[in-house]
């Protein structure tokens, strides 16, 4: 299925879509909000929607082969727990990165931590939140856990596909380490179950919580505030504990997924024999 799709073909269509979006933005009178939404719609809906619909139809493969509801219910609670750990880990990593950066470029830390006001365009906020929390995760899971993961596994190995696709996923996100770890977990989840709906839901849960946290004042709670460079040292203890506990939790999650994948694979081999 995904193994038969060409990564370079998808990249070509992404480039074409981006050029179309830029030309559209430059030729038609529109504000920055409208232009941003057009780019997001083209890159998250039009390009991946057309690409995957074309290949599913070409290969005569129903969507239900890779996205199905069977067995999903039992994974909901564990996935919510994983999302909490992922968000805590990302919070701790954010603090650690700021701590390291503070030693070499304190001015950059202040620039990064400077609060950015939310846009006053309600429609833009709603549509962007929808794209970030639902549409984006669906598109990214088809791209990274479907196309890239499966194609790279075919070209390299299972771990080669998992690691390379997760590195690429991390590079395209602000939280590189946290996104990389998310990619590894989502990849293992898909490989173990064969159901792309599970990493999609994991991604939706994660992004929805992240979007909601955007509306929480950055200085709340005070013991986790990270509004300027002084907070990096003042709140070092709670951030350090969060990073330690969440790291141990993430290691346990990855270990369980790998072990479960290996056990399922062994059972399938025993059945064949």
Protein backbone atom coordinates (compact mmCIF):
# COMPACT_ATOMS: atom_id res chain seq x y z
CA UNK A 1 0.00 0.00 0.00
CA UNK A 2 2.06 2.94 1.29
CA UNK A 3 5.21 1.04 0.28
CA UNK A 4 4.32 1.49 -3.39
CA UNK A 5 4.07 5.29 -3.18
CA UNK A 6 7.05 7.43 -4.16
CA UNK A 7 8.29 10.00 -1.64
CA UNK A 8 9.77 12.18 -4.39
CA UNK A 9 6.40 12.35 -6.16
CA UNK A 10 4.78 13.63 -2.99
CA UNK A 11 7.54 16.21 -2.48
CA UNK A 12 7.07 17.44 -6.05
CA UNK A 13 3.36 17.97 -5.44
CA UNK A 14 4.12 19.73 -2.15
CA UNK A 15 6.42 22.12 -4.02
CA UNK A 16 3.77 22.72 -6.69
CA UNK A 17 1.13 23.34 -4.02
CA UNK A 18 3.39 25.78 -2.18
CA UNK A 19 4.14 27.71 -5.38
CA UNK A 20 0.43 27.89 -6.20
CA UNK A 21 -0.30 29.19 -2.70
CA UNK A 22 2.41 31.87 -2.94
CA UNK A 23 1.28 32.99 -6.41
CA UNK A 24 -2.33 33.12 -5.21
CA UNK A 25 -1.28 35.18 -2.21
CA UNK A 26 0.71 37.63 -4.35
CA UNK A 27 -1.87 38.01 -7.12
CA UNK A 28 -5.07 38.35 -5.13
CA UNK A 29 -5.78 41.09 -2.57
CA UNK A 30 -5.95 39.42 0.84
CA UNK A 31 -4.72 40.00 4.37
CA UNK A 32 -2.04 37.92 6.10
CA UNK A 33 -4.63 35.81 7.96
CA UNK A 34 -6.40 34.76 4.76
CA UNK A 35 -3.09 34.05 3.05
CA UNK A 36 -1.93 31.87 5.93
CA UNK A 37 -5.19 29.89 5.89
CA UNK A 38 -4.91 29.34 2.12
CA UNK A 39 -1.38 27.96 2.53
CA UNK A 40 -2.52 25.65 5.34
CA UNK A 41 -5.52 24.39 3.36
CA UNK A 42 -3.41 23.65 0.28
CA UNK A 43 -0.58 21.95 2.20
CA UNK A 44 -2.71 20.05 4.73
CA UNK A 45 -5.83 19.22 2.72
CA UNK A 46 -5.51 19.68 -1.04
CA UNK A 47 -2.06 18.19 -1.71
CA UNK A 48 -2.14 15.19 0.67
CA UNK A 49 -5.85 14.60 0.00
CA UNK A 50 -5.33 14.41 -3.74
CA UNK A 51 -2.08 12.39 -3.49
CA UNK A 52 -3.41 9.68 -1.18
CA UNK A 53 -6.86 9.50 -2.82
CA UNK A 54 -5.15 8.98 -6.19
CA UNK A 55 -2.92 6.18 -4.91
CA UNK A 56 -5.65 4.43 -2.91
CA UNK A 57 -7.83 4.40 -6.02
CA UNK A 58 -4.95 3.39 -8.29
CA UNK A 59 -4.09 0.42 -6.07
CA UNK A 60 -7.79 -0.33 -5.49
CA UNK A 61 -7.24 -0.34 -1.74
CA UNK A 62 -10.12 0.76 0.52
CA UNK A 63 -9.32 3.32 3.22
CA UNK A 64 -10.70 0.85 5.78
CA UNK A 65 -7.62 -1.31 5.29
CA UNK A 66 -5.42 1.21 7.12
CA UNK A 67 -8.00 3.18 9.14
CA UNK A 68 -10.56 1.18 11.13
CA UNK A 69 -12.40 1.34 14.45
CA UNK A 70 -11.86 -2.26 15.58
CA UNK A 71 -9.76 -2.45 18.73
CA UNK A 72 -9.43 1.32 19.10
CA UNK A 73 -11.47 1.61 22.30
CA UNK A 74 -8.98 -0.37 24.38
CA UNK A 75 -6.19 2.01 23.36
CA UNK A 76 -7.92 5.30 24.26
CA UNK A 77 -6.96 5.43 27.96
CA UNK A 78 -3.32 4.36 27.38
CA UNK A 79 -2.96 6.94 24.59
CA UNK A 80 -4.29 9.73 26.81
CA UNK A 81 -1.70 8.73 29.41
CA UNK A 82 1.03 8.82 26.76
CA UNK A 83 -0.11 12.29 25.64
CA UNK A 84 0.19 13.59 29.20
CA UNK A 85 3.72 12.18 29.41
CA UNK A 86 4.61 13.66 26.02
CA UNK A 87 3.41 17.13 27.01
CA UNK A 88 5.27 16.94 30.31
CA UNK A 89 8.40 15.77 28.49
CA UNK A 90 8.14 18.62 25.98
CA UNK A 91 7.70 21.08 28.85
CA UNK A 92 10.82 19.75 30.55
CA UNK A 93 12.81 19.76 27.31
CA UNK A 94 11.76 23.34 26.62
CA UNK A 95 13.21 24.33 29.99
CA UNK A 96 16.42 22.34 29.40
CA UNK A 97 16.93 23.90 25.96
CA UNK A 98 16.40 27.39 27.37
CA UNK A 99 18.86 26.61 30.18
CA UNK A 100 21.53 25.52 27.68
CA UNK A 101 20.83 28.45 25.36
CA UNK A 102 21.01 30.89 28.26
CA UNK A 103 24.71 30.09 28.66
CA UNK A 104 25.61 31.16 25.11
CA UNK A 105 22.88 33.51 23.88
CA UNK A 106 20.81 35.02 26.71
CA UNK A 107 19.37 37.62 24.35
CA UNK A 108 17.90 34.84 22.22
CA UNK A 109 16.26 33.28 25.28
CA UNK A 110 14.53 36.57 26.11
CA UNK A 111 13.41 36.84 22.48
CA UNK A 112 11.97 33.31 22.46
CA UNK A 113 10.21 33.74 25.80
CA UNK A 114 8.68 37.09 24.87
CA UNK A 115 4.90 36.56 24.89
CA UNK A 116 3.20 36.67 21.50
CA UNK A 117 -0.40 37.97 21.61
CA UNK A 118 -3.07 35.85 19.96
CA UNK A 119 -4.59 37.27 16.75
CA UNK A 120 -7.78 39.26 17.29
CA UNK A 121 -9.46 37.58 14.29
CA UNK A 122 -11.89 35.05 15.80
CA UNK A 123 -12.59 33.19 12.56
CA UNK A 124 -8.87 32.82 11.88
CA UNK A 125 -8.31 31.50 15.41
CA UNK A 126 -11.11 28.93 15.10
CA UNK A 127 -10.03 27.68 11.67
CA UNK A 128 -6.36 27.56 12.65
CA UNK A 129 -7.22 25.65 15.83
CA UNK A 130 -9.23 23.17 13.74
CA UNK A 131 -6.32 22.68 11.34
CA UNK A 132 -3.77 22.32 14.14
CA UNK A 133 -5.83 19.96 16.29
CA UNK A 134 -7.62 17.76 13.72
CA UNK A 135 -6.80 18.28 10.04
CA UNK A 136 -3.05 18.66 10.51
CA UNK A 137 -2.67 15.47 12.57
CA UNK A 138 -4.62 13.45 10.01
CA UNK A 139 -2.48 14.74 7.13
CA UNK A 140 0.80 14.36 9.01
CA UNK A 141 0.07 10.79 10.07
CA UNK A 142 -0.69 9.74 6.50
CA UNK A 143 2.53 11.45 5.40
CA UNK A 144 4.96 10.45 8.17
CA UNK A 145 3.58 7.19 9.57
CA UNK A 146 2.07 6.08 6.27
CA UNK A 147 4.15 7.17 3.29
CA UNK A 148 7.55 7.95 4.86
CA UNK A 149 7.64 5.21 7.51
CA UNK A 150 6.51 2.38 5.24
CA UNK A 151 8.58 3.48 2.26
CA UNK A 152 11.73 3.94 4.37
CA UNK A 153 11.24 0.56 6.04
CA UNK A 154 11.13 -0.98 2.60
CA UNK A 155 14.33 0.84 1.60
CA UNK A 156 16.22 0.31 4.88
CA UNK A 157 14.90 -1.64 7.88
CA UNK A 158 12.19 -1.36 10.49
CA UNK A 159 14.29 0.76 12.82
CA UNK A 160 15.75 2.68 9.90
CA UNK A 161 12.23 3.67 8.84
CA UNK A 162 11.14 4.51 12.39
CA UNK A 163 14.19 6.64 13.21
CA UNK A 164 14.55 8.46 9.88
CA UNK A 165 10.84 9.33 9.59
CA UNK A 166 10.81 10.45 13.24
CA UNK A 167 13.92 12.63 12.76
CA UNK A 168 12.28 14.30 9.76
CA UNK A 169 9.09 14.77 11.78
CA UNK A 170 11.09 16.36 14.61
CA UNK A 171 13.01 18.71 12.32
CA UNK A 172 9.74 20.15 11.00
CA UNK A 173 8.53 21.04 14.51
CA UNK A 174 9.70 23.65 17.00
CA UNK A 175 10.07 21.03 19.75
CA UNK A 176 12.53 18.81 17.83
CA UNK A 177 13.29 16.30 20.61
CA UNK A 178 9.69 15.99 21.78
CA UNK A 179 8.40 15.65 18.21
CA UNK A 180 11.05 13.02 17.45
CA UNK A 181 9.96 10.99 20.48
CA UNK A 182 6.32 11.41 19.45
CA UNK A 183 7.25 10.12 15.99
CA UNK A 184 8.91 7.02 17.43
CA UNK A 185 5.90 6.21 19.61
CA UNK A 186 3.38 6.86 16.81
CA UNK A 187 5.43 4.70 14.42
CA UNK A 188 5.63 1.79 16.86
CA UNK A 189 1.92 2.12 17.58
CA UNK A 190 1.10 1.89 13.88
CA UNK A 191 3.49 -0.97 13.22
CA UNK A 192 2.10 -2.95 16.15
CA UNK A 193 -1.58 -2.49 15.27
CA UNK A 194 -1.58 -1.84 11.52
CA UNK A 195 -4.23 0.80 12.23
CA UNK A 196 -3.35 4.37 11.24
CA UNK A 197 -6.35 5.64 13.22
CA UNK A 198 -4.46 5.08 16.48
CA UNK A 199 -1.51 7.41 15.77
CA UNK A 200 -4.02 9.86 14.26
CA UNK A 201 -5.99 9.91 17.52
CA UNK A 202 -2.78 10.15 19.55
CA UNK A 203 -1.78 13.15 17.43
CA UNK A 204 -5.23 14.74 17.71
CA UNK A 205 -5.26 14.35 21.51
CA UNK A 206 -1.76 15.83 21.78
CA UNK A 207 -2.40 18.81 19.51
CA UNK A 208 -5.82 19.56 20.98
CA UNK A 209 -4.35 19.83 24.47
CA UNK A 210 -1.48 21.94 23.09
CA UNK A 211 -3.96 24.31 21.40
CA UNK A 212 -5.97 24.65 24.62
CA UNK A 213 -2.79 25.42 26.56
CA UNK A 214 -2.20 28.38 24.24
CA UNK A 215 -5.05 30.14 26.02
CA UNK A 216 -3.55 29.58 29.49
CA UNK A 217 -1.61 32.62 30.80
CA UNK A 218 2.15 31.91 30.47
CA UNK A 219 2.76 32.79 34.13
CA UNK A 220 0.28 30.20 35.41
CA UNK A 221 0.90 28.16 37.44
CA UNK A 222 3.68 30.27 38.94
CA UNK A 223 5.86 27.28 39.83
CA UNK A 224 5.92 26.36 36.12
CA UNK A 225 6.17 29.90 34.74
CA UNK A 226 8.71 30.45 31.98
CA UNK A 227 8.20 34.06 30.96
CA UNK A 228 11.78 35.36 31.18
CA UNK A 229 15.33 34.15 31.81
CA UNK A 230 15.04 34.50 35.60
CA UNK A 231 12.32 31.82 35.68
CA UNK A 232 14.75 29.28 34.20
CA UNK A 233 16.73 29.18 37.45
CA UNK A 234 13.88 30.02 39.83
CA UNK A 235 11.77 27.06 38.69
CA UNK A 236 14.63 24.66 37.96
CA UNK A 237 13.50 22.07 40.54
CA UNK A 238 9.94 21.47 39.24
CA UNK A 239 11.08 21.54 35.61
CA UNK A 240 13.92 19.14 36.37
CA UNK A 241 11.61 16.72 38.17
CA UNK A 242 9.08 16.87 35.33
CA UNK A 243 11.81 16.12 32.79
CA UNK A 244 13.17 13.21 34.84
CA UNK A 245 9.81 11.56 35.55
CA UNK A 246 8.48 12.04 32.01
CA UNK A 247 11.73 10.71 30.50
CA UNK A 248 11.45 7.54 32.57
CA UNK A 249 7.80 7.26 31.59
CA UNK A 250 8.60 7.66 27.90
CA UNK A 251 11.34 5.02 28.12
CA UNK A 252 8.81 2.62 29.67
CA UNK A 253 6.22 3.37 26.96
CA UNK A 254 8.70 2.78 24.12
CA UNK A 255 9.93 -0.44 25.77
CA UNK A 256 6.37 -1.74 26.13
CA UNK A 257 5.52 -0.93 22.52
CA UNK A 258 8.68 -2.61 21.22
CA UNK A 259 8.10 -5.68 23.38
CA UNK A 260 4.46 -5.86 22.31
CA UNK A 261 5.44 -5.54 18.65
CA UNK A 262 8.00 -8.33 19.00
CA UNK A 263 5.52 -10.60 20.81
CA UNK A 264 2.83 -10.01 18.18
CA UNK A 265 5.33 -10.69 15.40
CA UNK A 266 6.45 -13.93 17.07
CA UNK A 267 2.83 -15.07 17.46
CA UNK A 268 2.19 -14.42 13.77
CA UNK A 269 5.31 -16.37 12.82
CA UNK A 270 4.24 -19.28 15.04
CA UNK A 271 0.81 -19.33 13.39
CA UNK A 272 2.40 -19.43 9.94
CA UNK A 273 4.71 -22.27 10.96
